[in-house]
C-alpha atoms as a PDB file:
ATOM      1  CA  MET A   1     -59.368  29.187-118.081  1.00  0.00           C
ATOM      2  CA  ASP A   2     -57.904  26.841-115.484  1.00  0.00           C
ATOM      3  CA  TRP A   3     -57.881  28.432-112.017  1.00  0.00           C
ATOM      4  CA  ASP A   4     -54.652  26.706-111.064  1.00  0.00           C
ATOM      5  CA  LYS A   5     -52.869  27.999-114.172  1.00  0.00           C
ATOM      6  CA  LEU A   6     -54.165  31.506-113.461  1.00  0.00           C
ATOM      7  CA  ARG A   7     -52.812  31.305-109.913  1.00  0.00           C
ATOM      8  CA  ILE A   8     -49.391  30.303-111.252  1.00  0.00           C
ATOM      9  CA  PHE A   9     -49.516  33.021-113.938  1.00  0.00           C
ATOM     10  CA  HIS A  10     -50.300  35.635-111.275  1.00  0.00           C
ATOM     11  CA  ALA A  11     -47.346  34.540-109.134  1.00  0.00           C
ATOM     12  CA  VAL A  12     -44.975  34.682-112.126  1.00  0.00           C
ATOM     13  CA  ALA A  13     -46.256  38.093-113.235  1.00  0.00           C
ATOM     14  CA  ASP A  14     -45.970  39.426-109.686  1.00  0.00           C
ATOM     15  CA  ALA A  15     -42.443  38.071-109.197  1.00  0.00           C
ATOM     16  CA  GLY A  16     -41.199  38.710-112.737  1.00  0.00           C
ATOM     17  CA  SER A  17     -39.326  35.422-112.571  1.00  0.00           C
ATOM     18  CA  LEU A  18     -40.129  31.727-112.978  1.00  0.00           C
ATOM     19  CA  THR A  19     -37.629  30.842-110.250  1.00  0.00           C
ATOM     20  CA  HIS A  20     -38.989  33.287-107.662  1.00  0.00           C
ATOM     21  CA  ALA A  21     -42.571  32.307-108.458  1.00  0.00           C
ATOM     22  CA  GLY A  22     -41.617  28.644-108.072  1.00  0.00           C
ATOM     23  CA  ASP A  23     -40.131  29.375-104.640  1.00  0.00           C
ATOM     24  CA  THR A  24     -43.365  31.088-103.596  1.00  0.00           C
ATOM     25  CA  LEU A  25     -45.554  28.292-104.963  1.00  0.00           C
ATOM     26  CA  HIS A  26     -43.225  25.473-103.846  1.00  0.00           C
ATOM     27  CA  LEU A  27     -42.971  24.247-107.426  1.00  0.00           C
ATOM     28  CA  SER A  28     -39.956  23.592-109.638  1.00  0.00           C
ATOM     29  CA  GLN A  29     -39.068  26.128-112.313  1.00  0.00           C
ATOM     30  CA  SER A  30     -39.819  23.578-115.016  1.00  0.00           C
ATOM     31  CA  ALA A  31     -43.284  22.867-113.580  1.00  0.00           C
ATOM     32  CA  VAL A  32     -44.074  26.594-113.499  1.00  0.00           C
ATOM     33  CA  SER A  33     -42.790  27.003-117.069  1.00  0.00           C
ATOM     34  CA  ARG A  34     -44.975  24.125-118.318  1.00  0.00           C
ATOM     35  CA  GLN A  35     -48.084  25.663-116.753  1.00  0.00           C
ATOM     36  CA  ILE A  36     -47.363  29.076-118.310  1.00  0.00           C
ATOM     37  CA  ARG A  37     -46.812  27.501-121.749  1.00  0.00           C
ATOM     38  CA  ALA A  38     -50.059  25.543-121.413  1.00  0.00           C
ATOM     39  CA  LEU A  39     -51.938  28.733-120.484  1.00  0.00           C
ATOM     40  CA  GLU A  40     -50.445  30.620-123.441  1.00  0.00           C
ATOM     41  CA  GLU A  41     -51.415  27.763-125.771  1.00  0.00           C
ATOM     42  CA  SER A  42     -54.977  27.644-124.448  1.00  0.00           C
ATOM     43  CA  LEU A  43     -55.339  31.401-125.016  1.00  0.00           C
ATOM     44  CA  ASN A  44     -53.286  31.390-128.227  1.00  0.00           C
ATOM     45  CA  VAL A  45     -51.280  34.417-127.068  1.00  0.00           C
ATOM     46  CA  THR A  46     -47.825  35.208-125.686  1.00  0.00           C
ATOM     47  CA  LEU A  47     -48.082  36.445-122.093  1.00  0.00           C
ATOM     48  CA  PHE A  48     -44.407  37.183-121.354  1.00  0.00           C
ATOM     49  CA  HIS A  49     -41.392  38.563-123.169  1.00  0.00           C
ATOM     50  CA  ARG A  50     -38.406  36.547-121.969  1.00  0.00           C
ATOM     51  CA  HIS A  51     -34.966  38.116-121.608  1.00  0.00           C
ATOM     52  CA  ALA A  52     -31.816  37.659-119.520  1.00  0.00           C
ATOM     53  CA  ARG A  53     -32.982  39.866-116.665  1.00  0.00           C
ATOM     54  CA  GLY A  54     -36.350  38.214-116.205  1.00  0.00           C
ATOM     55  CA  LEU A  55     -39.853  38.318-117.630  1.00  0.00           C
ATOM     56  CA  ILE A  56     -41.847  41.299-118.887  1.00  0.00           C
ATOM     57  CA  LEU A  57     -45.582  41.104-119.497  1.00  0.00           C
ATOM     58  CA  THR A  58     -46.852  41.545-123.028  1.00  0.00           C
ATOM     59  CA  GLU A  59     -49.890  43.730-123.655  1.00  0.00           C
ATOM     60  CA  GLN A  60     -52.107  40.632-123.403  1.00  0.00           C
ATOM     61  CA  GLY A  61     -50.239  39.592-120.270  1.00  0.00           C
ATOM     62  CA  GLU A  62     -50.885  43.016-118.691  1.00  0.00           C
ATOM     63  CA  LEU A  63     -54.624  42.599-119.344  1.00  0.00           C
ATOM     64  CA  LEU A  64     -54.672  39.146-117.758  1.00  0.00           C
ATOM     65  CA  PHE A  65     -52.556  40.290-114.788  1.00  0.00           C
ATOM     66  CA  GLU A  66     -54.969  43.153-114.141  1.00  0.00           C
ATOM     67  CA  ALA A  67     -57.814  40.624-114.052  1.00  0.00           C
ATOM     68  CA  THR A  68     -55.994  38.167-111.777  1.00  0.00           C
ATOM     69  CA  ASN A  69     -54.935  41.022-109.512  1.00  0.00           C
ATOM     70  CA  GLN A  70     -58.567  41.982-108.985  1.00  0.00           C
ATOM     71  CA  MET A  71     -59.450  38.319-108.406  1.00  0.00           C
ATOM     72  CA  VAL A  72     -56.759  37.972-105.738  1.00  0.00           C
ATOM     73  CA  LYS A  73     -57.931  41.096-103.939  1.00  0.00           C
ATOM     74  CA  ARG A  74     -61.548  39.925-104.027  1.00  0.00           C
ATOM     75  CA  LEU A  75     -60.511  36.555-102.627  1.00  0.00           C
ATOM     76  CA  GLU A  76     -58.541  38.299 -99.871  1.00  0.00           C
ATOM     77  CA  ALA A  77     -61.620  40.373 -99.049  1.00  0.00           C
ATOM     78  CA  ALA A  78     -63.768  37.240 -98.934  1.00  0.00           C
ATOM     79  CA  ALA A  79     -61.228  35.505 -96.699  1.00  0.00           C
ATOM     80  CA  ALA A  80     -61.220  38.515 -94.383  1.00  0.00           C
ATOM     81  CA  ARG A  81     -65.003  38.444 -94.128  1.00  0.00           C
ATOM     82  CA  ILE A  82     -64.957  34.699 -93.404  1.00  0.00           C
ATOM     83  CA  ARG A  83     -62.386  35.200 -90.647  1.00  0.00           C
ATOM     84  CA  ASP A  84     -64.440  38.041 -89.243  1.00  0.00           C
ATOM     85  CA  SER A  85     -67.405  35.706 -88.815  1.00  0.00           C
ATOM     86  CA  GLU A  86     -65.605  34.411 -85.721  1.00  0.00           C
ATOM     87  CA  ASP A  87     -66.184  36.067 -82.360  1.00  0.00           C
ATOM     88  CA  GLU A  88     -62.501  36.597 -81.618  1.00  0.00           C
ATOM     89  CA  VAL A  89     -60.669  39.625 -83.027  1.00  0.00           C
ATOM     90  CA  PHE A  90     -57.513  38.305 -84.662  1.00  0.00           C
ATOM     91  CA  GLY A  91     -55.575  38.298 -87.911  1.00  0.00           C
ATOM     92  CA  GLU A  92     -54.082  41.059 -90.050  1.00  0.00           C
ATOM     93  CA  LEU A  93     -55.495  44.569 -90.359  1.00  0.00           C
ATOM     94  CA  ARG A  94     -53.807  46.852 -92.880  1.00  0.00           C
ATOM     95  CA  VAL A  95     -53.985  50.484 -91.783  1.00  0.00           C
ATOM     96  CA  THR A  96     -52.736  53.376 -93.889  1.00  0.00           C
ATOM     97  CA  THR A  97     -52.182  56.992 -92.911  1.00  0.00           C
ATOM     98  CA  THR A  98     -49.621  59.763 -93.403  1.00  0.00           C
ATOM     99  CA  THR A  99     -46.073  59.375 -92.112  1.00  0.00           C
ATOM    100  CA  GLY A 100     -46.453  62.219 -89.634  1.00  0.00           C
ATOM    101  CA  PHE A 101     -49.800  61.200 -88.146  1.00  0.00           C
ATOM    102  CA  GLY A 102     -48.948  57.504 -88.108  1.00  0.00           C
ATOM    103  CA  THR A 103     -45.562  58.000 -86.481  1.00  0.00           C
ATOM    104  CA  LEU A 104     -46.378  60.772 -84.038  1.00  0.00           C
ATOM    105  CA  TRP A 105     -50.042  60.227 -83.094  1.00  0.00           C
ATOM    106  CA  LEU A 106     -51.186  56.697 -83.948  1.00  0.00           C
ATOM    107  CA  ALA A 107     -48.199  54.392 -83.348  1.00  0.00           C
ATOM    108  CA  PRO A 108     -47.524  55.548 -79.752  1.00  0.00           C
ATOM    109  CA  ARG A 109     -51.153  54.748 -78.858  1.00  0.00           C
ATOM    110  CA  LEU A 110     -51.329  51.248 -80.363  1.00  0.00           C
ATOM    111  CA  VAL A 111     -50.197  49.639 -77.124  1.00  0.00           C
ATOM    112  CA  GLY A 112     -53.780  49.956 -75.831  1.00  0.00           C
ATOM    113  CA  LEU A 113     -55.163  48.129 -78.870  1.00  0.00           C
ATOM    114  CA  TYR A 114     -52.684  45.258 -78.521  1.00  0.00           C
ATOM    115  CA  LYS A 115     -53.440  44.897 -74.810  1.00  0.00           C
ATOM    116  CA  LYS A 116     -57.106  44.404 -75.633  1.00  0.00           C
ATOM    117  CA  TYR A 117     -56.584  42.253 -78.753  1.00  0.00           C
ATOM    118  CA  PRO A 118     -53.175  40.508 -78.482  1.00  0.00           C
ATOM    119  CA  ALA A 119     -53.901  38.248 -81.492  1.00  0.00           C
ATOM    120  CA  LEU A 120     -54.395  41.224 -83.822  1.00  0.00           C
ATOM    121  CA  LYS A 121     -51.673  41.928 -86.395  1.00  0.00           C
ATOM    122  CA  ILE A 122     -51.472  45.540 -87.547  1.00  0.00           C
ATOM    123  CA  ASP A 123     -49.737  46.303 -90.829  1.00  0.00           C
ATOM    124  CA  LEU A 124     -49.202  50.064 -90.553  1.00  0.00           C
ATOM    125  CA  MET A 125     -48.483  51.608 -93.960  1.00  0.00           C
ATOM    126  CA  LEU A 126     -47.205  55.162 -93.645  1.00  0.00           C
ATOM    127  CA  GLU A 127     -47.055  57.222 -96.823  1.00  0.00           C
ATOM    128  CA  GLU A 128     -48.505  60.366 -98.313  1.00  0.00           C
ATOM    129  CA  ARG A 129     -49.974  58.494-101.304  1.00  0.00           C
ATOM    130  CA  VAL A 130     -53.698  57.791-100.933  1.00  0.00           C
ATOM    131  CA  LEU A 131     -54.107  54.017-101.148  1.00  0.00           C
ATOM    132  CA  ASP A 132     -57.128  52.528-102.930  1.00  0.00           C
ATOM    133  CA  LEU A 133     -59.359  51.005-100.249  1.00  0.00           C
ATOM    134  CA  PRO A 134     -62.003  49.436-102.559  1.00  0.00           C
ATOM    135  CA  MET A 135     -59.156  47.676-104.380  1.00  0.00           C
ATOM    136  CA  ARG A 136     -57.909  46.433-100.985  1.00  0.00           C
ATOM    137  CA  GLU A 137     -54.550  48.184-100.998  1.00  0.00           C
ATOM    138  CA  ALA A 138     -55.423  48.687 -97.324  1.00  0.00           C
ATOM    139  CA  ASP A 139     -58.340  47.845 -95.021  1.00  0.00           C
ATOM    140  CA  VAL A 140     -58.645  51.111 -93.082  1.00  0.00           C
ATOM    141  CA  ALA A 141     -57.356  54.617 -93.760  1.00  0.00           C
ATOM    142  CA  ILE A 142     -56.953  57.699 -91.609  1.00  0.00           C
ATOM    143  CA  ARG A 143     -56.825  60.617 -94.007  1.00  0.00           C
ATOM    144  CA  MET A 144     -56.354  64.360 -93.676  1.00  0.00           C
ATOM    145  CA  LYS A 145     -59.299  65.100 -95.961  1.00  0.00           C
ATOM    146  CA  GLU A 146     -62.672  63.539 -96.671  1.00  0.00           C
ATOM    147  CA  PRO A 147     -62.380  60.536 -99.023  1.00  0.00           C
ATOM    148  CA  SER A 148     -63.932  61.150-102.432  1.00  0.00           C
ATOM    149  CA  GLN A 149     -64.893  57.545-103.264  1.00  0.00           C
ATOM    150  CA  ALA A 150     -68.587  56.836-102.848  1.00  0.00           C
ATOM    151  CA  ASP A 151     -68.272  53.194-101.751  1.00  0.00           C
ATOM    152  CA  LEU A 152     -66.446  53.978 -98.507  1.00  0.00           C
ATOM    153  CA  ILE A 153     -67.785  54.265 -94.986  1.00  0.00           C
ATOM    154  CA  ARG A 154     -66.256  57.366 -93.453  1.00  0.00           C
ATOM    155  CA  LYS A 155     -66.288  59.039 -90.049  1.00  0.00           C
ATOM    156  CA  ARG A 156     -64.845  62.417 -89.165  1.00  0.00           C
ATOM    157  CA  LEU A 157     -62.573  61.984 -86.161  1.00  0.00           C
ATOM    158  CA  MET A 158     -61.346  65.488 -85.370  1.00  0.00           C
ATOM    159  CA  SER A 159     -59.764  68.605 -86.832  1.00  0.00           C
ATOM    160  CA  ILE A 160     -56.154  69.673 -86.526  1.00  0.00           C
ATOM    161  CA  ARG A 161     -54.318  72.879 -87.356  1.00  0.00           C
ATOM    162  CA  MET A 162     -50.771  73.585 -88.413  1.00  0.00           C
ATOM    163  CA  ARG A 163     -48.942  75.930 -86.047  1.00  0.00           C
ATOM    164  CA  LEU A 164     -45.445  77.237 -85.309  1.00  0.00           C
ATOM    165  CA  TYR A 165     -43.384  75.644 -82.509  1.00  0.00           C
ATOM    166  CA  ALA A 166     -39.883  75.902 -81.068  1.00  0.00           C
ATOM    167  CA  SER A 167     -37.931  74.096 -78.355  1.00  0.00           C
ATOM    168  CA  PRO A 168     -37.230  75.753 -74.982  1.00  0.00           C
ATOM    169  CA  THR A 169     -33.482  75.612 -75.681  1.00  0.00           C
ATOM    170  CA  TYR A 170     -33.887  77.337 -79.038  1.00  0.00           C
ATOM    171  CA  ALA A 171     -36.116  79.991 -77.444  1.00  0.00           C
ATOM    172  CA  ALA A 172     -33.581  80.634 -74.682  1.00  0.00           C
ATOM    173  CA  GLU A 173     -30.694  80.957 -77.126  1.00  0.00           C
ATOM    174  CA  HIS A 174     -32.378  82.910 -79.932  1.00  0.00           C
ATOM    175  CA  GLY A 175     -35.440  84.531 -78.413  1.00  0.00           C
ATOM    176  CA  MET A 176     -38.880  84.340 -79.994  1.00  0.00           C
ATOM    177  CA  PRO A 177     -40.172  86.430 -82.907  1.00  0.00           C
ATOM    178  CA  GLU A 178     -42.964  88.802 -81.960  1.00  0.00           C
ATOM    179  CA  LYS A 179     -43.984  89.514 -85.564  1.00  0.00           C
ATOM    180  CA  MET A 180     -43.299  87.995 -88.976  1.00  0.00           C
ATOM    181  CA  GLU A 181     -40.569  90.522 -89.739  1.00  0.00           C
ATOM    182  CA  ASP A 182     -38.539  89.061 -86.844  1.00  0.00           C
ATOM    183  CA  PHE A 183     -38.139  85.798 -88.789  1.00  0.00           C
ATOM    184  CA  ALA A 184     -35.107  87.411 -90.467  1.00  0.00           C
ATOM    185  CA  GLN A 185     -33.189  86.262 -87.356  1.00  0.00           C
ATOM    186  CA  HIS A 186     -34.637  82.727 -87.277  1.00  0.00           C
ATOM    187  CA  ARG A 187     -34.708  79.519 -89.302  1.00  0.00           C
ATOM    188  CA  LEU A 188     -38.017  78.121 -90.566  1.00  0.00           C
ATOM    189  CA  ILE A 189     -38.390  74.312 -90.642  1.00  0.00           C
ATOM    190  CA  CYS A 190     -41.229  73.003 -92.795  1.00  0.00           C
ATOM    191  CA  GLN A 191     -42.322  70.950 -95.766  1.00  0.00           C
ATOM    192  CA  LEU A 192     -42.085  72.507 -99.208  1.00  0.00           C
ATOM    193  CA  PRO A 193     -45.481  73.834-100.374  1.00  0.00           C
ATOM    194  CA  GLY A 194     -45.416  71.510-103.381  1.00  0.00           C
ATOM    195  CA  ALA A 195     -44.657  68.369-101.332  1.00  0.00           C
ATOM    196  CA  PRO A 196     -47.456  65.867-100.616  1.00  0.00           C
ATOM    197  CA  GLN A 197     -49.125  67.167 -97.465  1.00  0.00           C
ATOM    198  CA  VAL A 198     -52.397  68.597 -96.232  1.00  0.00           C
ATOM    199  CA  ALA A 199     -53.563  71.552 -98.319  1.00  0.00           C
ATOM    200  CA  ALA A 200     -53.988  73.827 -95.306  1.00  0.00           C
ATOM    201  CA  GLY A 201     -50.409  73.169 -94.210  1.00  0.00           C
ATOM    202  CA  ALA A 202     -49.095  73.893 -97.691  1.00  0.00           C
ATOM    203  CA  ALA A 203     -51.053  77.156 -97.762  1.00  0.00           C
ATOM    204  CA  LEU A 204     -49.594  78.238 -94.418  1.00  0.00           C
ATOM    205  CA  VAL A 205     -46.046  77.437 -95.537  1.00  0.00           C
ATOM    206  CA  GLN A 206     -46.605  79.356 -98.776  1.00  0.00           C
ATOM    207  CA  GLU A 207     -47.789  82.364 -96.755  1.00  0.00           C
ATOM    208  CA  LEU A 208     -44.776  82.176 -94.432  1.00  0.00           C
ATOM    209  CA  MET A 209     -42.308  81.873 -97.320  1.00  0.00           C
ATOM    210  CA  SER A 210     -43.756  84.979 -98.966  1.00  0.00           C
ATOM    211  CA  ASN A 211     -42.036  86.959 -96.184  1.00  0.00           C
ATOM    212  CA  ASP A 212     -38.594  86.207 -97.669  1.00  0.00           C
ATOM    213  CA  ILE A 213     -37.268  84.183 -94.712  1.00  0.00           C
ATOM    214  CA  PRO A 214     -33.468  83.966 -95.193  1.00  0.00           C
ATOM    215  CA  SER A 215     -32.752  80.590 -93.546  1.00  0.00           C
ATOM    216  CA  MET A 216     -34.846  77.445 -94.050  1.00  0.00           C
ATOM    217  CA  LEU A 217     -34.762  73.678 -93.609  1.00  0.00           C
ATOM    218  CA  THR A 218     -37.313  71.649 -95.565  1.00  0.00           C
ATOM    219  CA  VAL A 219     -38.183  68.053 -94.659  1.00  0.00           C
ATOM    220  CA  ASN A 220     -40.600  65.768 -96.503  1.00  0.00           C
ATOM    221  CA  ASN A 221     -42.650  64.759 -93.426  1.00  0.00           C
ATOM    222  CA  TYR A 222     -43.622  66.136 -90.020  1.00  0.00           C
ATOM    223  CA  PHE A 223     -41.603  63.544 -88.113  1.00  0.00           C
ATOM    224  CA  GLY A 224     -38.468  65.030 -89.625  1.00  0.00           C
ATOM    225  CA  VAL A 225     -39.653  68.571 -88.862  1.00  0.00           C
ATOM    226  CA  LEU A 226     -40.237  67.560 -85.229  1.00  0.00           C
ATOM    227  CA  GLN A 227     -36.765  66.026 -84.878  1.00  0.00           C
ATOM    228  CA  ALA A 228     -35.177  69.199 -86.220  1.00  0.00           C
ATOM    229  CA  VAL A 229     -37.190  71.355 -83.806  1.00  0.00           C
ATOM    230  CA  LEU A 230     -36.368  69.131 -80.817  1.00  0.00           C
ATOM    231  CA  ASN A 231     -32.702  69.454 -81.758  1.00  0.00           C
ATOM    232  CA  ASN A 232     -32.930  73.259 -81.637  1.00  0.00           C
ATOM    233  CA  LEU A 233     -32.468  73.961 -85.349  1.00  0.00           C
ATOM    234  CA  GLY A 234     -35.254  76.512 -85.664  1.00  0.00           C
ATOM    235  CA  ILE A 235     -39.010  77.142 -85.634  1.00  0.00           C
ATOM    236  CA  GLY A 236     -41.137  74.408 -87.166  1.00  0.00           C
ATOM    237  CA  VAL A 237     -44.519  74.249 -88.873  1.00  0.00           C
ATOM    238  CA  MET A 238     -46.200  71.237 -87.243  1.00  0.00           C
ATOM    239  CA  PRO A 239     -49.644  69.837 -86.418  1.00  0.00           C
ATOM    240  CA  ASP A 240     -51.146  70.963 -83.137  1.00  0.00           C
ATOM    241  CA  TYR A 241     -51.517  67.401 -81.765  1.00  0.00           C
ATOM    242  CA  LEU A 242     -47.783  67.451 -81.075  1.00  0.00           C
ATOM    243  CA  ALA A 243     -48.364  69.993 -78.314  1.00  0.00           C
ATOM    244  CA  VAL A 244     -50.043  67.224 -76.297  1.00  0.00           C
ATOM    245  CA  ALA A 245     -47.372  64.604 -77.018  1.00  0.00           C
ATOM    246  CA  PHE A 246     -44.508  67.089 -76.510  1.00  0.00           C
ATOM    247  CA  PRO A 247     -45.716  69.616 -73.919  1.00  0.00           C
ATOM    248  CA  GLN A 248     -42.254  71.197 -73.736  1.00  0.00           C
ATOM    249  CA  LEU A 249     -42.757  72.738 -77.179  1.00  0.00           C
ATOM    250  CA  ILE A 250     -43.313  76.497 -77.162  1.00  0.00           C
ATOM    251  CA  ARG A 251     -45.888  77.925 -79.515  1.00  0.00           C
ATOM    252  CA  VAL A 252     -44.546  80.761 -81.660  1.00  0.00           C
ATOM    253  CA  LEU A 253     -46.652  83.654 -82.990  1.00  0.00           C
ATOM    254  CA  PRO A 254     -49.994  82.270 -81.681  1.00  0.00           C
ATOM    255  CA  ASP A 255     -51.992  84.359 -84.154  1.00  0.00           C
ATOM    256  CA  ILE A 256     -50.506  82.414 -87.083  1.00  0.00           C
ATOM    257  CA  GLU A 257     -52.044  79.022 -87.876  1.00  0.00           C
ATOM    258  CA  SER A 258     -53.596  77.118 -90.762  1.00  0.00           C
ATOM    259  CA  ASN A 259     -57.256  76.531 -91.443  1.00  0.00           C
ATOM    260  CA  ASP A 260     -58.851  73.394 -89.990  1.00  0.00           C
ATOM    261  CA  VAL A 261     -57.600  70.085 -91.389  1.00  0.00           C
ATOM    262  CA  PRO A 262     -60.319  67.417 -91.060  1.00  0.00           C
ATOM    263  CA  VAL A 263     -59.215  63.921 -90.066  1.00  0.00           C
ATOM    264  CA  PHE A 264     -61.349  61.058 -91.411  1.00  0.00           C
ATOM    265  CA  LEU A 265     -61.391  57.328 -90.772  1.00  0.00           C
ATOM    266  CA  ALA A 266     -62.549  55.329 -93.813  1.00  0.00           C
ATOM    267  CA  TYR A 267     -62.977  51.696 -94.852  1.00  0.00           C
ATOM    268  CA  PRO A 268     -64.769  49.817 -97.661  1.00  0.00           C
ATOM    269  CA  GLU A 269     -68.460  48.976 -97.457  1.00  0.00           C
ATOM    270  CA  GLU A 270     -67.634  45.283 -97.708  1.00  0.00           C
ATOM    271  CA  LEU A 271     -65.806  45.488 -94.354  1.00  0.00           C
ATOM    272  CA  ARG A 272     -68.816  47.009 -92.600  1.00  0.00           C
ATOM    273  CA  HIS A 273     -69.243  43.897 -90.420  1.00  0.00           C
ATOM    274  CA  SER A 274     -65.537  43.202 -89.902  1.00  0.00           C
ATOM    275  CA  LYS A 275     -64.773  42.696 -86.230  1.00  0.00           C
ATOM    276  CA  ARG A 276     -61.171  43.737 -86.743  1.00  0.00           C
ATOM    277  CA  VAL A 277     -62.228  47.013 -88.368  1.00  0.00           C
ATOM    278  CA  ALA A 278     -64.819  47.591 -85.612  1.00  0.00           C
ATOM    279  CA  ALA A 279     -62.188  46.986 -82.922  1.00  0.00           C
ATOM    280  CA  PHE A 280     -59.791  49.456 -84.577  1.00  0.00           C
ATOM    281  CA  ARG A 281     -62.537  52.054 -85.098  1.00  0.00           C
ATOM    282  CA  GLU A 282     -63.620  51.862 -81.447  1.00  0.00           C
ATOM    283  CA  PHE A 283     -60.004  52.074 -80.283  1.00  0.00           C
ATOM    284  CA  VAL A 284     -59.360  55.204 -82.383  1.00  0.00           C
ATOM    285  CA  MET A 285     -62.561  56.852 -81.144  1.00  0.00           C
ATOM    286  CA  GLU A 286     -61.574  56.191 -77.523  1.00  0.00           C
ATOM    287  CA  GLU A 287     -58.116  57.650 -78.136  1.00  0.00           C
ATOM    288  CA  ILE A 288     -59.627  60.707 -79.832  1.00  0.00           C
ATOM    289  CA  SER A 289     -61.817  61.264 -76.772  1.00  0.00           C
ATOM    290  CA  LEU A 290     -58.784  61.069 -74.460  1.00  0.00           C
ATOM    291  CA  TYR A 291     -56.824  63.377 -76.769  1.00  0.00           C
ATOM    292  CA  ARG A 292     -59.569  66.006 -76.657  1.00  0.00           C
ATOM    293  CA  LYS A 293     -59.576  65.888 -72.864  1.00  0.00           C
ATOM    294  CA  GLN A 294     -55.789  66.360 -72.837  1.00  0.00           C
ATOM    295  CA  GLN A 295     -56.170  69.365 -75.136  1.00  0.00           C
ATOM    296  CA  GLN A 296     -58.524  70.987 -72.644  1.00  0.00           C
ATOM    297  CA  THR A 297     -56.184  70.568 -69.650  1.00  0.00           C
END
């Protein structure tokens, strides 16, 4: 199969449109169409169903797109390794982590990384879904559990716990519960147990909800929980690292907390010698060390 035709096929399949693919490839729609027809003729198959709203891959087209997708990701990995053969740390590094950790712990600290490596471009992808590192959906991940894939390099960074916090204003206006039964006079702010989140946090929320708390606000990430707590809406279930970033928070019912949640940094074996990955790893380790010192003060 012709590499150039495969490249054009991949762009069309990705865009779902001859016109959009042509814009990406800087080719006319007719030139793209001719290349797709030539590829279909060489394979003796139909790769796309054509209709008014665009193009849909046939079963054979899906198989070929899966293959070209893997090829593209392998080429991107090779390009990254070639770039990392230079001494200077520059270029794009795709980092994935949860919305809460990325927004509340990682992003505020990135200024130190950019000061040291101003030519580095961080693509920070915040979502609860675990991205596939070997398939290059991201370069580096910070996860709230140990990765299960065998072909990843992983390092445990720290442990966190989920605890209960309130704002000083809320505490002054409503008082603080001294035992779980007192929650009948308070509002609990948390994620739903079934929402994507760390297992230990879900278990703690499930335990709290078993006490038949009358008033609740559920949010699908910890950033939202924090904003509600800071705006005096109630008592929130949040990770303990927020106590360092927001020292005004008051811990509620100190005897109640989740089990340890391990935090791991992971990246593919093929990026073992990446200077960008090494720079990010060293930066995170330095920030973890500073964070631990702040916890002790």
